[in-house]
Protein backbone atom coordinates (compact mmCIF):
# COMPACT_ATOMS: atom_id res chain seq x y z
CA MET A 1 34.59 21.67 -34.56
CA LYS A 2 31.00 20.42 -34.80
CA LYS A 3 30.27 16.75 -34.01
CA GLU A 4 26.97 14.97 -34.59
CA LEU A 5 25.88 13.18 -31.41
CA ALA A 6 22.40 11.95 -32.25
CA ILE A 7 19.77 12.07 -34.95
CA ARG A 8 16.10 11.10 -35.04
CA GLU A 9 13.43 11.23 -37.73
CA SER A 10 9.64 11.04 -37.59
CA ASN A 11 6.87 12.14 -39.95
CA GLY A 12 9.23 14.11 -42.18
CA ILE A 13 10.92 15.92 -39.26
CA THR A 14 14.64 15.37 -38.67
CA VAL A 15 16.21 16.45 -35.39
CA THR A 16 20.00 16.41 -35.06
CA LEU A 17 22.03 17.03 -31.91
CA TYR A 18 25.52 18.55 -32.28
CA TRP A 19 28.35 19.29 -29.86
CA HIS A 20 30.65 22.23 -30.61
CA SER A 21 34.03 21.34 -29.11
CA GLY A 22 35.49 24.85 -29.35
CA THR A 23 32.75 26.33 -27.14
CA ASN A 24 31.54 23.18 -25.30
CA ARG A 25 27.99 24.10 -26.34
CA VAL A 26 25.35 21.97 -28.04
CA SER A 27 22.86 22.78 -30.74
CA VAL A 28 19.86 21.06 -32.22
CA THR A 29 18.92 21.47 -35.87
CA VAL A 30 15.30 20.81 -36.78
CA ASP A 31 14.45 20.18 -40.43
CA ASP A 32 10.65 20.19 -40.64
CA ALA A 33 10.09 19.20 -44.28
CA PRO A 34 6.27 19.16 -44.14
CA ARG A 35 6.27 22.81 -42.98
CA GLY A 36 9.26 23.81 -45.09
CA GLU A 37 11.11 25.07 -42.04
CA LEU A 38 14.70 24.62 -40.88
CA PHE A 39 15.98 26.08 -37.60
CA GLU A 40 18.75 25.64 -35.06
CA LEU A 41 18.65 26.09 -31.31
CA GLY A 42 21.67 26.40 -29.04
CA ALA A 43 22.08 25.45 -25.40
CA SER A 44 24.58 24.42 -22.74
CA PRO A 45 25.51 20.69 -22.45
CA ASP A 46 23.27 20.17 -19.41
CA GLN A 47 20.25 21.02 -21.59
CA ALA A 48 21.22 18.81 -24.53
CA LEU A 49 18.70 15.99 -24.14
CA GLU A 50 15.85 18.32 -23.21
CA LEU A 51 16.52 20.31 -26.37
CA PHE A 52 16.92 17.18 -28.52
CA TYR A 53 13.65 15.56 -27.42
CA HIS A 54 11.56 18.74 -27.12
CA PRO A 55 12.88 21.32 -29.61
CA TYR A 56 9.46 22.84 -30.30
CA ALA A 57 9.02 23.62 -26.60
CA HIS A 58 12.14 25.80 -26.93
CA ALA A 59 11.35 27.20 -30.40
CA GLY A 60 10.25 30.55 -28.91
CA ARG A 61 13.93 31.18 -28.14
CA ARG A 62 14.79 31.12 -31.85
CA SER A 63 15.10 34.91 -31.99
CA ALA A 64 18.20 34.59 -29.78
CA THR A 65 19.77 31.84 -31.86
CA ALA A 66 20.31 31.11 -35.52
CA SER A 67 17.12 30.32 -37.38
CA THR A 68 16.31 30.04 -41.04
CA ALA A 69 12.96 29.64 -42.73
CA VAL A 70 13.09 27.53 -45.86
CA ALA A 71 10.65 28.01 -48.70
CA ALA A 72 8.46 24.98 -49.31
């Protein structure tokens, strides 16, 4: 089960933090409307806030997690 823990929006970018109860993992979804990009990053619970507040710093890891480019 996926539960939304936090959401923030700024300049057309929406960042949402989720907790996955079945695996006790967290993920952050970034919807960057100005760039037409949507991606998700996964992490362990101890990295949740770091990932939530700084998703672009971790974006290089996207090849190891689910990511989707959205046409503008």
